[in-house]
Amino acid sequence: MTTPSTATFTAAAGGVPTPNSQWQVSTDGGATFSNIIGATALSYTTPATSVAGSGKRYRVVFSNSAGMATSNSATLTVNPLANLALLARSPGGPGNLDGNGAAAHFYGPAGAAVDGSGTIYVADTYNHTIRKIHADRHGQYVRRHRRLLRQR
């Protein structure tokens, strides 16, 4: 996943009586786990992630009067947002031109957001546009810039 996204972990267990669940996190490679306060549903969604959270391990403990069972842990991998200087720079000076890579010109790229599929949206400030940079089917950014919204 790419920062600053959320991650959702889901698990299921059966039993009589119905088991309770408690999500846990490990920050030391799985040596120890701590309960996540309030994380008692079958799914757990992290807060917005950062690269510092990469490597955390998550698991859930199910328990009822018959005993308890612990899931395998899942490791969170967080990649940094692609360098905007590489994706949204203005080679040859500012401009307002869509295209792949160096063919695209921005004028004041100032902020970015990433959706769940990894598509990057860039605020092209002085062009008053929101630009979209999407990945190809192999997950590589093709640096295709497209104006999505333009103020008139």
Protein backbone atom coordinates (compact mmCIF):
# COMPACT_ATOMS: atom_id res chain seq x y z
CA MET A 1 0.00 0.00 0.00
CA THR A 2 1.01 3.62 -0.41
CA THR A 3 0.98 6.16 2.38
CA PRO A 4 -1.33 7.77 3.54
CA SER A 5 -3.90 5.01 3.01
CA THR A 6 -5.68 2.80 5.53
CA ALA A 7 -5.40 -0.97 5.66
CA THR A 8 -8.20 -3.34 6.63
CA PHE A 9 -7.59 -6.78 8.12
CA THR A 10 -10.44 -9.31 8.37
CA ALA A 11 -10.69 -12.67 10.10
CA ALA A 12 -13.44 -15.08 11.08
CA ALA A 13 -13.94 -17.79 13.67
CA GLY A 14 -16.81 -20.00 14.71
CA GLY A 15 -17.76 -21.56 17.98
CA VAL A 16 -20.40 -21.92 20.69
CA PRO A 17 -20.78 -19.55 22.31
CA THR A 18 -19.83 -17.08 19.57
CA PRO A 19 -16.22 -16.03 20.15
CA ASN A 20 -15.18 -12.50 21.00
CA SER A 21 -12.36 -10.94 19.00
CA GLN A 22 -9.46 -8.71 20.01
CA TRP A 23 -7.05 -7.29 17.43
CA GLN A 24 -3.41 -6.94 18.39
CA VAL A 25 -0.37 -5.22 16.92
CA SER A 26 3.34 -5.97 17.15
CA THR A 27 6.02 -3.35 16.56
CA ASP A 28 8.96 -5.68 17.22
CA GLY A 29 8.68 -8.19 14.39
CA GLY A 30 6.13 -10.38 16.16
CA ALA A 31 8.06 -11.01 19.39
CA THR A 32 5.29 -9.35 21.44
CA PHE A 33 1.78 -8.17 20.67
CA SER A 34 -0.37 -5.53 22.37
CA ASN A 35 -4.15 -5.19 22.29
CA ILE A 36 -5.50 -2.41 20.09
CA ILE A 37 -8.00 -0.55 22.25
CA GLY A 38 -11.52 -0.78 20.86
CA ALA A 39 -10.56 -3.19 18.05
CA THR A 40 -13.02 -5.98 18.81
CA ALA A 41 -14.85 -6.47 15.49
CA LEU A 42 -14.15 -9.13 12.86
CA SER A 43 -12.33 -6.46 10.82
CA TYR A 44 -9.79 -3.87 11.86
CA THR A 45 -8.98 -0.76 9.82
CA THR A 46 -5.78 1.09 10.63
CA PRO A 47 -5.60 4.85 10.88
CA ALA A 48 -3.91 6.56 7.91
CA THR A 49 -0.58 4.81 7.48
CA SER A 50 2.92 6.19 7.22
CA VAL A 51 6.18 4.60 6.14
CA ALA A 52 7.09 4.36 9.84
CA GLY A 53 4.23 1.84 10.23
CA SER A 54 5.71 -0.53 7.67
CA GLY A 55 6.62 -3.83 9.28
CA LYS A 56 3.95 -3.74 11.98
CA ARG A 57 2.23 -7.09 12.39
CA TYR A 58 -1.47 -7.52 13.06
CA ARG A 59 -3.37 -10.53 14.37
CA VAL A 60 -6.65 -11.27 16.10
CA VAL A 61 -7.32 -13.39 19.17
CA PHE A 62 -10.70 -15.13 19.34
CA SER A 63 -11.96 -16.31 22.72
CA ASN A 64 -15.02 -17.76 24.41
CA SER A 65 -15.69 -19.98 27.43
CA ALA A 66 -14.29 -22.98 25.51
CA GLY A 67 -10.88 -21.39 24.98
CA MET A 68 -9.02 -19.14 22.60
CA ALA A 69 -7.47 -19.20 19.15
CA THR A 70 -4.97 -16.77 17.62
CA SER A 71 -4.75 -16.01 13.91
CA ASN A 72 -1.51 -15.91 12.00
CA SER A 73 -0.11 -12.39 11.85
CA ALA A 74 -0.17 -10.23 8.74
CA THR A 75 2.65 -7.79 8.08
CA LEU A 76 1.82 -4.27 6.94
CA THR A 77 3.99 -2.95 4.11
CA VAL A 78 3.75 0.78 3.43
CA ASN A 79 5.46 2.40 0.46
CA PRO A 80 6.13 6.13 0.36
CA LEU A 81 4.14 8.33 -1.96
CA ALA A 82 6.01 8.59 -5.23
CA ASN A 83 8.32 11.57 -5.41
CA LEU A 84 6.28 14.42 -6.87
CA ALA A 85 9.43 15.91 -8.31
CA LEU A 86 9.58 12.86 -10.60
CA LEU A 87 5.87 12.61 -11.33
CA ALA A 88 4.77 16.21 -11.44
CA ARG A 89 7.67 18.41 -12.36
CA SER A 90 7.79 21.00 -15.07
CA PRO A 91 10.78 20.22 -17.29
CA GLY A 92 11.61 23.25 -19.37
CA GLY A 93 9.49 25.50 -17.18
CA PRO A 94 5.89 25.72 -16.01
CA GLY A 95 3.03 24.95 -18.31
CA ASN A 96 -0.31 23.26 -18.73
CA LEU A 97 0.17 20.25 -20.95
CA ASP A 98 -1.01 16.67 -20.48
CA GLY A 99 1.17 13.78 -21.53
CA ASN A 100 3.44 10.95 -20.44
CA GLY A 101 6.49 11.73 -18.33
CA ALA A 102 8.47 14.79 -19.37
CA ALA A 103 5.82 15.69 -21.95
CA ALA A 104 3.49 16.80 -19.16
CA HIS A 105 3.90 20.29 -17.75
CA PHE A 106 2.60 21.51 -14.39
CA TYR A 107 2.47 24.98 -12.97
CA GLY A 108 2.78 24.86 -9.21
CA PRO A 109 2.14 21.25 -8.15
CA ALA A 110 1.44 21.70 -4.46
CA GLY A 111 -0.37 18.76 -2.94
CA ALA A 112 -1.20 15.16 -3.63
CA ALA A 113 -3.60 12.45 -2.55
CA VAL A 114 -3.66 8.73 -3.28
CA ASP A 115 -6.80 6.65 -3.64
CA GLY A 116 -7.17 2.99 -2.71
CA SER A 117 -6.01 1.80 -6.13
CA GLY A 118 -2.79 3.84 -6.00
CA THR A 119 -3.93 6.57 -8.39
CA ILE A 120 -2.30 9.88 -7.49
CA TYR A 121 -4.17 13.18 -7.69
CA VAL A 122 -2.06 16.33 -7.81
CA ALA A 123 -3.23 19.88 -7.14
CA ASP A 124 -1.77 21.86 -10.05
CA THR A 125 -2.16 25.16 -8.24
CA TYR A 126 -1.58 27.89 -10.81
CA ASN A 127 -3.42 25.98 -13.55
CA HIS A 128 -6.39 25.64 -11.18
CA THR A 129 -6.62 21.93 -11.96
CA ILE A 130 -6.55 18.57 -10.29
CA ARG A 131 -4.36 16.19 -12.28
CA LYS A 132 -4.55 12.38 -12.25
CA ILE A 133 -1.48 10.13 -12.47
CA HIS A 134 -2.39 6.47 -12.80
CA ALA A 135 -0.51 3.18 -12.86
CA ASP A 136 -0.43 0.70 -15.71
CA ARG A 137 -1.56 -2.91 -15.32
CA HIS A 138 1.84 -3.87 -13.87
CA GLY A 139 1.60 -1.28 -11.09
CA GLN A 140 4.13 1.06 -12.67
CA TYR A 141 3.30 4.74 -12.88
CA VAL A 142 2.99 5.66 -16.50
CA ARG A 143 2.96 9.34 -15.60
CA ARG A 144 -0.05 10.12 -17.69
CA HIS A 145 -1.36 13.45 -16.54
CA ARG A 146 -4.94 14.42 -17.15
CA ARG A 147 -6.89 17.44 -16.05
CA LEU A 148 -9.87 16.32 -13.98
CA LEU A 149 -11.19 19.64 -12.77
CA ARG A 150 -10.49 23.07 -14.10
CA GLN A 151 -11.74 26.31 -12.64
CA ARG A 152 -12.97 28.76 -15.28
